[in-house]
Amino acid sequence: MSPAAGVLTVAVHAYRYGLRPIIGSHCRFHPHCSDYALEALASHGAARGTWLTARRILRCHPWNPGGWDPVPPASPRIGASTARENG
């Protein structure tokens, strides 16, 4: 995990254990938005993980039915080779 993703992960944990107990959990999605953020940061890094999390939070409103909304799988990096290609 990059240092930036690590800092953002600490921020998500601070929200979960500091602010969420005060304001309550009202997430209409599964996994909860903070779980989604942690998974997105771990699998996609700071920039894309933040983008995915922001999009998810913006979808959280009374007119969205919510439901199952997993983090999309990380696509292989351009130019990355696989074991199969290398023989």
PDB file of N, CA and C in Angstrom:
ATOM      1  N   MET A   1       0.849  -1.169   0.000  1.00  0.00           N
ATOM      2  CA  MET A   1       0.000   0.000   0.000  1.00  0.00           C
ATOM      3  C   MET A   1       0.899   1.236   0.000  1.00  0.00           C
ATOM      4  N   SER A   2       0.534   2.201  -0.811  1.00  0.00           N
ATOM      5  CA  SER A   2       1.324   3.433  -0.895  1.00  0.00           C
ATOM      6  C   SER A   2       1.159   4.268   0.374  1.00  0.00           C
ATOM      7  N   PRO A   3       2.102   5.165   0.635  1.00  0.00           N
ATOM      8  CA  PRO A   3       1.964   6.030   1.814  1.00  0.00           C
ATOM      9  C   PRO A   3       0.677   6.863   1.784  1.00  0.00           C
ATOM     10  N   ALA A   4       0.293   7.348   0.602  1.00  0.00           N
ATOM     11  CA  ALA A   4      -0.938   8.144   0.495  1.00  0.00           C
ATOM     12  C   ALA A   4      -2.163   7.300   0.831  1.00  0.00           C
ATOM     13  N   ALA A   5      -2.198   6.062   0.327  1.00  0.00           N
ATOM     14  CA  ALA A   5      -3.316   5.171   0.645  1.00  0.00           C
ATOM     15  C   ALA A   5      -3.327   4.845   2.130  1.00  0.00           C
ATOM     16  N   GLY A   6      -2.151   4.732   2.735  1.00  0.00           N
ATOM     17  CA  GLY A   6      -2.069   4.478   4.172  1.00  0.00           C
ATOM     18  C   GLY A   6      -2.644   5.623   4.993  1.00  0.00           C
ATOM     19  N   VAL A   7      -2.344   6.858   4.586  1.00  0.00           N
ATOM     20  CA  VAL A   7      -2.885   8.033   5.287  1.00  0.00           C
ATOM     21  C   VAL A   7      -4.405   8.069   5.147  1.00  0.00           C
ATOM     22  N   LEU A   8      -4.905   7.783   3.949  1.00  0.00           N
ATOM     23  CA  LEU A   8      -6.353   7.777   3.734  1.00  0.00           C
ATOM     24  C   LEU A   8      -7.027   6.657   4.520  1.00  0.00           C
ATOM     25  N   THR A   9      -6.355   5.524   4.646  1.00  0.00           N
ATOM     26  CA  THR A   9      -6.889   4.422   5.446  1.00  0.00           C
ATOM     27  C   THR A   9      -7.010   4.833   6.908  1.00  0.00           C
ATOM     28  N   VAL A  10      -6.024   5.537   7.417  1.00  0.00           N
ATOM     29  CA  VAL A  10      -6.094   6.048   8.796  1.00  0.00           C
ATOM     30  C   VAL A  10      -7.276   7.007   8.933  1.00  0.00           C
ATOM     31  N   ALA A  11      -7.510   7.847   7.917  1.00  0.00           N
ATOM     32  CA  ALA A  11      -8.640   8.780   7.954  1.00  0.00           C
ATOM     33  C   ALA A  11      -9.975   8.036   7.985  1.00  0.00           C
ATOM     34  N   VAL A  12     -10.091   6.956   7.215  1.00  0.00           N
ATOM     35  CA  VAL A  12     -11.328   6.165   7.225  1.00  0.00           C
ATOM     36  C   VAL A  12     -11.530   5.531   8.595  1.00  0.00           C
ATOM     37  N   HIS A  13     -10.469   5.002   9.183  1.00  0.00           N
ATOM     38  CA  HIS A  13     -10.585   4.417  10.526  1.00  0.00           C
ATOM     39  C   HIS A  13     -10.954   5.485  11.556  1.00  0.00           C
ATOM     40  N   ALA A  14     -10.412   6.684  11.415  1.00  0.00           N
ATOM     41  CA  ALA A  14     -10.763   7.776  12.334  1.00  0.00           C
ATOM     42  C   ALA A  14     -12.249   8.093  12.228  1.00  0.00           C
ATOM     43  N   TYR A  15     -12.774   8.098  11.003  1.00  0.00           N
ATOM     44  CA  TYR A  15     -14.214   8.310  10.815  1.00  0.00           C
ATOM     45  C   TYR A  15     -15.011   7.186  11.476  1.00  0.00           C
ATOM     46  N   ARG A  16     -14.611   5.943  11.205  1.00  0.00           N
ATOM     47  CA  ARG A  16     -15.361   4.788  11.713  1.00  0.00           C
ATOM     48  C   ARG A  16     -15.441   4.752  13.228  1.00  0.00           C
ATOM     49  N   TYR A  17     -14.334   5.066  13.885  1.00  0.00           N
ATOM     50  CA  TYR A  17     -14.293   4.925  15.342  1.00  0.00           C
ATOM     51  C   TYR A  17     -14.486   6.246  16.082  1.00  0.00           C
ATOM     52  N   GLY A  18     -14.444   7.366  15.363  1.00  0.00           N
ATOM     53  CA  GLY A  18     -14.613   8.659  16.011  1.00  0.00           C
ATOM     54  C   GLY A  18     -15.941   9.328  15.705  1.00  0.00           C
ATOM     55  N   LEU A  19     -16.271   9.426  14.421  1.00  0.00           N
ATOM     56  CA  LEU A  19     -17.457  10.171  14.016  1.00  0.00           C
ATOM     57  C   LEU A  19     -18.696   9.300  13.840  1.00  0.00           C
ATOM     58  N   ARG A  20     -18.541   8.122  13.256  1.00  0.00           N
ATOM     59  CA  ARG A  20     -19.709   7.284  12.983  1.00  0.00           C
ATOM     60  C   ARG A  20     -20.486   6.902  14.235  1.00  0.00           C
ATOM     61  N   PRO A  21     -19.845   6.623  15.376  1.00  0.00           N
ATOM     62  CA  PRO A  21     -20.644   6.330  16.574  1.00  0.00           C
ATOM     63  C   PRO A  21     -21.507   7.515  17.016  1.00  0.00           C
ATOM     64  N   ILE A  22     -21.092   8.717  16.677  1.00  0.00           N
ATOM     65  CA  ILE A  22     -21.847   9.911  17.069  1.00  0.00           C
ATOM     66  C   ILE A  22     -23.019  10.156  16.120  1.00  0.00           C
ATOM     67  N   ILE A  23     -22.765  10.064  14.805  1.00  0.00           N
ATOM     68  CA  ILE A  23     -23.812  10.379  13.832  1.00  0.00           C
ATOM     69  C   ILE A  23     -24.628   9.160  13.428  1.00  0.00           C
ATOM     70  N   GLY A  24     -24.131   7.977  13.716  1.00  0.00           N
ATOM     71  CA  GLY A  24     -24.844   6.757  13.363  1.00  0.00           C
ATOM     72  C   GLY A  24     -24.499   6.284  11.963  1.00  0.00           C
ATOM     73  N   SER A  25     -24.873   5.058  11.685  1.00  0.00           N
ATOM     74  CA  SER A  25     -24.608   4.447  10.386  1.00  0.00           C
ATOM     75  C   SER A  25     -25.911   4.397   9.598  1.00  0.00           C
ATOM     76  N   HIS A  26     -25.922   5.062   8.455  1.00  0.00           N
ATOM     77  CA  HIS A  26     -27.132   5.119   7.642  1.00  0.00           C
ATOM     78  C   HIS A  26     -26.858   4.676   6.208  1.00  0.00           C
ATOM     79  N   CYS A  27     -25.859   3.848   6.007  1.00  0.00           N
ATOM     80  CA  CYS A  27     -25.470   3.440   4.661  1.00  0.00           C
ATOM     81  C   CYS A  27     -26.533   2.526   4.069  1.00  0.00           C
ATOM     82  N   ARG A  28     -26.918   2.796   2.834  1.00  0.00           N
ATOM     83  CA  ARG A  28     -27.926   1.981   2.168  1.00  0.00           C
ATOM     84  C   ARG A  28     -27.299   0.895   1.293  1.00  0.00           C
ATOM     85  N   PHE A  29     -25.988   0.816   1.320  1.00  0.00           N
ATOM     86  CA  PHE A  29     -25.279  -0.163   0.508  1.00  0.00           C
ATOM     87  C   PHE A  29     -24.632  -1.233   1.374  1.00  0.00           C
ATOM     88  N   HIS A  30     -24.304  -2.333   0.738  1.00  0.00           N
ATOM     89  CA  HIS A  30     -23.499  -3.373   1.374  1.00  0.00           C
ATOM     90  C   HIS A  30     -22.383  -3.703   0.400  1.00  0.00           C
ATOM     91  N   PRO A  31     -21.154  -3.698   0.787  1.00  0.00           N
ATOM     92  CA  PRO A  31     -20.621  -3.372   2.104  1.00  0.00           C
ATOM     93  C   PRO A  31     -20.800  -1.890   2.424  1.00  0.00           C
ATOM     94  N   HIS A  32     -20.747  -1.556   3.714  1.00  0.00           N
ATOM     95  CA  HIS A  32     -20.881  -0.160   4.136  1.00  0.00           C
ATOM     96  C   HIS A  32     -19.822   0.692   3.450  1.00  0.00           C
ATOM     97  N   CYS A  33     -20.085   1.967   3.343  1.00  0.00           N
ATOM     98  CA  CYS A  33     -19.192   2.870   2.601  1.00  0.00           C
ATOM     99  C   CYS A  33     -17.771   2.889   3.154  1.00  0.00           C
ATOM    100  N   SER A  34     -17.617   2.802   4.471  1.00  0.00           N
ATOM    101  CA  SER A  34     -16.255   2.808   5.017  1.00  0.00           C
ATOM    102  C   SER A  34     -15.534   1.503   4.685  1.00  0.00           C
ATOM    103  N   ASP A  35     -16.251   0.373   4.694  1.00  0.00           N
ATOM    104  CA  ASP A  35     -15.647  -0.896   4.272  1.00  0.00           C
ATOM    105  C   ASP A  35     -15.265  -0.829   2.795  1.00  0.00           C
ATOM    106  N   TYR A  36     -16.155  -0.250   1.989  1.00  0.00           N
ATOM    107  CA  TYR A  36     -15.898  -0.067   0.565  1.00  0.00           C
ATOM    108  C   TYR A  36     -14.637   0.776   0.365  1.00  0.00           C
ATOM    109  N   ALA A  37     -14.524   1.876   1.124  1.00  0.00           N
ATOM    110  CA  ALA A  37     -13.366   2.764   0.997  1.00  0.00           C
ATOM    111  C   ALA A  37     -12.073   2.033   1.325  1.00  0.00           C
ATOM    112  N   LEU A  38     -12.075   1.265   2.410  1.00  0.00           N
ATOM    113  CA  LEU A  38     -10.860   0.532   2.790  1.00  0.00           C
ATOM    114  C   LEU A  38     -10.466  -0.476   1.718  1.00  0.00           C
ATOM    115  N   GLU A  39     -11.444  -1.187   1.173  1.00  0.00           N
ATOM    116  CA  GLU A  39     -11.145  -2.169   0.128  1.00  0.00           C
ATOM    117  C   GLU A  39     -10.683  -1.478  -1.154  1.00  0.00           C
ATOM    118  N   ALA A  40     -11.320  -0.372  -1.520  1.00  0.00           N
ATOM    119  CA  ALA A  40     -10.929   0.358  -2.729  1.00  0.00           C
ATOM    120  C   ALA A  40      -9.512   0.905  -2.602  1.00  0.00           C
ATOM    121  N   LEU A  41      -9.170   1.439  -1.445  1.00  0.00           N
ATOM    122  CA  LEU A  41      -7.814   1.959  -1.235  1.00  0.00           C
ATOM    123  C   LEU A  41      -6.780   0.841  -1.282  1.00  0.00           C
ATOM    124  N   ALA A  42      -7.108  -0.311  -0.696  1.00  0.00           N
ATOM    125  CA  ALA A  42      -6.164  -1.430  -0.672  1.00  0.00           C
ATOM    126  C   ALA A  42      -5.957  -2.028  -2.060  1.00  0.00           C
ATOM    127  N   SER A  43      -7.027  -2.127  -2.848  1.00  0.00           N
ATOM    128  CA  SER A  43      -6.898  -2.808  -4.136  1.00  0.00           C
ATOM    129  C   SER A  43      -6.580  -1.871  -5.301  1.00  0.00           C
ATOM    130  N   HIS A  44      -6.931  -0.589  -5.191  1.00  0.00           N
ATOM    131  CA  HIS A  44      -6.737   0.332  -6.316  1.00  0.00           C
ATOM    132  C   HIS A  44      -5.750   1.456  -6.042  1.00  0.00           C
ATOM    133  N   GLY A  45      -5.321   1.625  -4.790  1.00  0.00           N
ATOM    134  CA  GLY A  45      -4.402   2.712  -4.468  1.00  0.00           C
ATOM    135  C   GLY A  45      -5.140   3.988  -4.104  1.00  0.00           C
ATOM    136  N   ALA A  46      -4.365   5.026  -3.798  1.00  0.00           N
ATOM    137  CA  ALA A  46      -4.939   6.264  -3.263  1.00  0.00           C
ATOM    138  C   ALA A  46      -5.814   7.003  -4.277  1.00  0.00           C
ATOM    139  N   ALA A  47      -5.325   7.227  -5.476  1.00  0.00           N
ATOM    140  CA  ALA A  47      -6.059   8.053  -6.442  1.00  0.00           C
ATOM    141  C   ALA A  47      -7.356   7.386  -6.889  1.00  0.00           C
ATOM    142  N   ARG A  48      -7.254   6.188  -7.449  1.00  0.00           N
ATOM    143  CA  ARG A  48      -8.461   5.510  -7.943  1.00  0.00           C
ATOM    144  C   ARG A  48      -9.362   5.086  -6.789  1.00  0.00           C
ATOM    145  N   GLY A  49      -8.788   4.671  -5.670  1.00  0.00           N
ATOM    146  CA  GLY A  49      -9.592   4.295  -4.510  1.00  0.00           C
ATOM    147  C   GLY A  49     -10.409   5.458  -3.985  1.00  0.00           C
ATOM    148  N   THR A  50      -9.808   6.654  -3.968  1.00  0.00           N
ATOM    149  CA  THR A  50     -10.538   7.854  -3.548  1.00  0.00           C
ATOM    150  C   THR A  50     -11.643   8.188  -4.537  1.00  0.00           C
ATOM    151  N   TRP A  51     -11.346   8.062  -5.829  1.00  0.00           N
ATOM    152  CA  TRP A  51     -12.345   8.329  -6.873  1.00  0.00           C
ATOM    153  C   TRP A  51     -13.527   7.371  -6.736  1.00  0.00           C
ATOM    154  N   LEU A  52     -13.257   6.090  -6.588  1.00  0.00           N
ATOM    155  CA  LEU A  52     -14.335   5.108  -6.444  1.00  0.00           C
ATOM    156  C   LEU A  52     -15.163   5.372  -5.186  1.00  0.00           C
ATOM    157  N   THR A  53     -14.497   5.717  -4.095  1.00  0.00           N
ATOM    158  CA  THR A  53     -15.195   5.993  -2.839  1.00  0.00           C
ATOM    159  C   THR A  53     -16.064   7.240  -2.961  1.00  0.00           C
ATOM    160  N   ALA A  54     -15.544   8.282  -3.596  1.00  0.00           N
ATOM    161  CA  ALA A  54     -16.327   9.511  -3.777  1.00  0.00           C
ATOM    162  C   ALA A  54     -17.568   9.240  -4.617  1.00  0.00           C
ATOM    163  N   ARG A  55     -17.419   8.466  -5.690  1.00  0.00           N
ATOM    164  CA  ARG A  55     -18.578   8.111  -6.518  1.00  0.00           C
ATOM    165  C   ARG A  55     -19.603   7.336  -5.713  1.00  0.00           C
ATOM    166  N   ARG A  56     -19.131   6.432  -4.876  1.00  0.00           N
ATOM    167  CA  ARG A  56     -20.028   5.634  -4.038  1.00  0.00           C
ATOM    168  C   ARG A  56     -20.792   6.517  -3.059  1.00  0.00           C
ATOM    169  N   ILE A  57     -20.099   7.430  -2.394  1.00  0.00           N
ATOM    170  CA  ILE A  57     -20.745   8.313  -1.420  1.00  0.00           C
ATOM    171  C   ILE A  57     -21.764   9.219  -2.108  1.00  0.00           C
ATOM    172  N   LEU A  58     -21.463   9.687  -3.313  1.00  0.00           N
ATOM    173  CA  LEU A  58     -22.407  10.530  -4.044  1.00  0.00           C
ATOM    174  C   LEU A  58     -23.657   9.761  -4.477  1.00  0.00           C
ATOM    175  N   ARG A  59     -23.561   8.442  -4.592  1.00  0.00           N
ATOM    176  CA  ARG A  59     -24.738   7.626  -4.927  1.00  0.00           C
ATOM    177  C   ARG A  59     -25.613   7.359  -3.709  1.00  0.00           C
ATOM    178  N   CYS A  60     -25.135   7.695  -2.535  1.00  0.00           N
ATOM    179  CA  CYS A  60     -25.867   7.412  -1.301  1.00  0.00           C
ATOM    180  C   CYS A  60     -26.831   8.568  -1.011  1.00  0.00           C
ATOM    181  N   HIS A  61     -28.056   8.422  -1.487  1.00  0.00           N
ATOM    182  CA  HIS A  61     -29.092   9.430  -1.264  1.00  0.00           C
ATOM    183  C   HIS A  61     -30.446   8.727  -1.226  1.00  0.00           C
ATOM    184  N   PRO A  62     -31.481   9.410  -0.781  1.00  0.00           N
ATOM    185  CA  PRO A  62     -32.785   8.755  -0.584  1.00  0.00           C
ATOM    186  C   PRO A  62     -33.411   8.173  -1.848  1.00  0.00           C
ATOM    187  N   TRP A  63     -33.013   8.626  -3.024  1.00  0.00           N
ATOM    188  CA  TRP A  63     -33.621   8.146  -4.258  1.00  0.00           C
ATOM    189  C   TRP A  63     -32.883   6.958  -4.861  1.00  0.00           C
ATOM    190  N   ASN A  64     -31.808   6.540  -4.254  1.00  0.00           N
ATOM    191  CA  ASN A  64     -31.074   5.359  -4.706  1.00  0.00           C
ATOM    192  C   ASN A  64     -31.489   4.192  -3.824  1.00  0.00           C
ATOM    193  N   PRO A  65     -31.884   3.070  -4.427  1.00  0.00           N
ATOM    194  CA  PRO A  65     -32.344   1.947  -3.608  1.00  0.00           C
ATOM    195  C   PRO A  65     -31.239   1.264  -2.810  1.00  0.00           C
ATOM    196  N   GLY A  66     -29.979   1.509  -3.156  1.00  0.00           N
ATOM    197  CA  GLY A  66     -28.883   0.862  -2.427  1.00  0.00           C
ATOM    198  C   GLY A  66     -28.736  -0.587  -2.841  1.00  0.00           C
ATOM    199  N   GLY A  67     -28.298  -1.430  -1.916  1.00  0.00           N
ATOM    200  CA  GLY A  67     -28.116  -2.847  -2.199  1.00  0.00           C
ATOM    201  C   GLY A  67     -26.648  -3.223  -2.281  1.00  0.00           C
ATOM    202  N   TRP A  68     -26.381  -4.354  -2.927  1.00  0.00           N
ATOM    203  CA  TRP A  68     -25.029  -4.888  -3.049  1.00  0.00           C
ATOM    204  C   TRP A  68     -24.259  -4.073  -4.074  1.00  0.00           C
ATOM    205  N   ASP A  69     -23.130  -3.524  -3.683  1.00  0.00           N
ATOM    206  CA  ASP A  69     -22.307  -2.683  -4.551  1.00  0.00           C
ATOM    207  C   ASP A  69     -20.837  -2.906  -4.207  1.00  0.00           C
ATOM    208  N   PRO A  70     -20.243  -3.990  -4.710  1.00  0.00           N
ATOM    209  CA  PRO A  70     -18.849  -4.293  -4.359  1.00  0.00           C
ATOM    210  C   PRO A  70     -17.861  -3.393  -5.098  1.00  0.00           C
ATOM    211  N   VAL A  71     -16.653  -3.351  -4.593  1.00  0.00           N
ATOM    212  CA  VAL A  71     -15.561  -2.635  -5.256  1.00  0.00           C
ATOM    213  C   VAL A  71     -15.237  -3.389  -6.541  1.00  0.00           C
ATOM    214  N   PRO A  72     -15.123  -2.685  -7.678  1.00  0.00           N
ATOM    215  CA  PRO A  72     -14.765  -3.388  -8.910  1.00  0.00           C
ATOM    216  C   PRO A  72     -13.360  -3.977  -8.803  1.00  0.00           C
ATOM    217  N   PRO A  73     -13.132  -5.094  -9.479  1.00  0.00           N
ATOM    218  CA  PRO A  73     -11.792  -5.692  -9.409  1.00  0.00           C
ATOM    219  C   PRO A  73     -10.755  -4.776 -10.059  1.00  0.00           C
ATOM    220  N   ALA A  74      -9.559  -4.833  -9.534  1.00  0.00           N
ATOM    221  CA  ALA A  74      -8.462  -4.043 -10.096  1.00  0.00           C
ATOM    222  C   ALA A  74      -8.056  -4.659 -11.423  1.00  0.00           C
ATOM    223  N   SER A  75      -7.937  -3.824 -12.441  1.00  0.00           N
ATOM    224  CA  SER A  75      -7.508  -4.331 -13.740  1.00  0.00           C
ATOM    225  C   SER A  75      -5.989  -4.392 -13.756  1.00  0.00           C
ATOM    226  N   PRO A  76      -5.436  -5.320 -14.533  1.00  0.00           N
ATOM    227  CA  PRO A  76      -3.974  -5.402 -14.593  1.00  0.00           C
ATOM    228  C   PRO A  76      -3.395  -4.122 -15.187  1.00  0.00           C
ATOM    229  N   ARG A  77      -2.238  -3.758 -14.711  1.00  0.00           N
ATOM    230  CA  ARG A  77      -1.590  -2.548 -15.212  1.00  0.00           C
ATOM    231  C   ARG A  77      -1.147  -2.747 -16.648  1.00  0.00           C
ATOM    232  N   ILE A  78      -1.164  -1.682 -17.406  1.00  0.00           N
ATOM    233  CA  ILE A  78      -0.716  -1.737 -18.795  1.00  0.00           C
ATOM    234  C   ILE A  78       0.771  -2.068 -18.802  1.00  0.00           C
ATOM    235  N   GLY A  79       1.129  -3.051 -19.585  1.00  0.00           N
ATOM    236  CA  GLY A  79       2.524  -3.450 -19.675  1.00  0.00           C
ATOM    237  C   GLY A  79       2.921  -4.502 -18.662  1.00  0.00           C
ATOM    238  N   ALA A  80       2.024  -4.827 -17.738  1.00  0.00           N
ATOM    239  CA  ALA A  80       2.338  -5.861 -16.750  1.00  0.00           C
ATOM    240  C   ALA A  80       2.217  -7.221 -17.415  1.00  0.00           C
ATOM    241  N   SER A  81       3.176  -8.066 -17.187  1.00  0.00           N
ATOM    242  CA  SER A  81       3.134  -9.394 -17.779  1.00  0.00           C
ATOM    243  C   SER A  81       2.617 -10.388 -16.752  1.00  0.00           C
ATOM    244  N   THR A  82       2.081 -11.465 -17.258  1.00  0.00           N
ATOM    245  CA  THR A  82       1.591 -12.515 -16.374  1.00  0.00           C
ATOM    246  C   THR A  82       2.523 -13.709 -16.452  1.00  0.00           C
ATOM    247  N   ALA A  83       2.400 -14.604 -15.528  1.00  0.00           N
ATOM    248  CA  ALA A  83       3.243 -15.798 -15.516  1.00  0.00           C
ATOM    249  C   ALA A  83       3.009 -16.628 -16.771  1.00  0.00           C
ATOM    250  N   ARG A  84       1.775 -16.662 -17.258  1.00  0.00           N
ATOM    251  CA  ARG A  84       1.459 -17.440 -18.452  1.00  0.00           C
ATOM    252  C   ARG A  84       2.200 -16.881 -19.667  1.00  0.00           C
ATOM    253  N   GLU A  85       2.266 -15.556 -19.785  1.00  0.00           N
ATOM    254  CA  GLU A  85       2.958 -14.942 -20.917  1.00  0.00           C
ATOM    255  C   GLU A  85       4.458 -15.201 -20.860  1.00  0.00           C
ATOM    256  N   ASN A  86       5.008 -15.274 -19.654  1.00  0.00           N
ATOM    257  CA  ASN A  86       6.445 -15.459 -19.500  1.00  0.00           C
ATOM    258  C   ASN A  86       6.873 -16.916 -19.545  1.00  0.00           C
ATOM    259  N   GLY A  87       5.887 -17.802 -19.637  1.00  0.00           N
ATOM    260  CA  GLY A  87       6.204 -19.219 -19.758  1.00  0.00           C
ATOM    261  C   GLY A  87       6.574 -19.779 -18.492  1.00  0.00           C
TER     262      GLY A  87
END
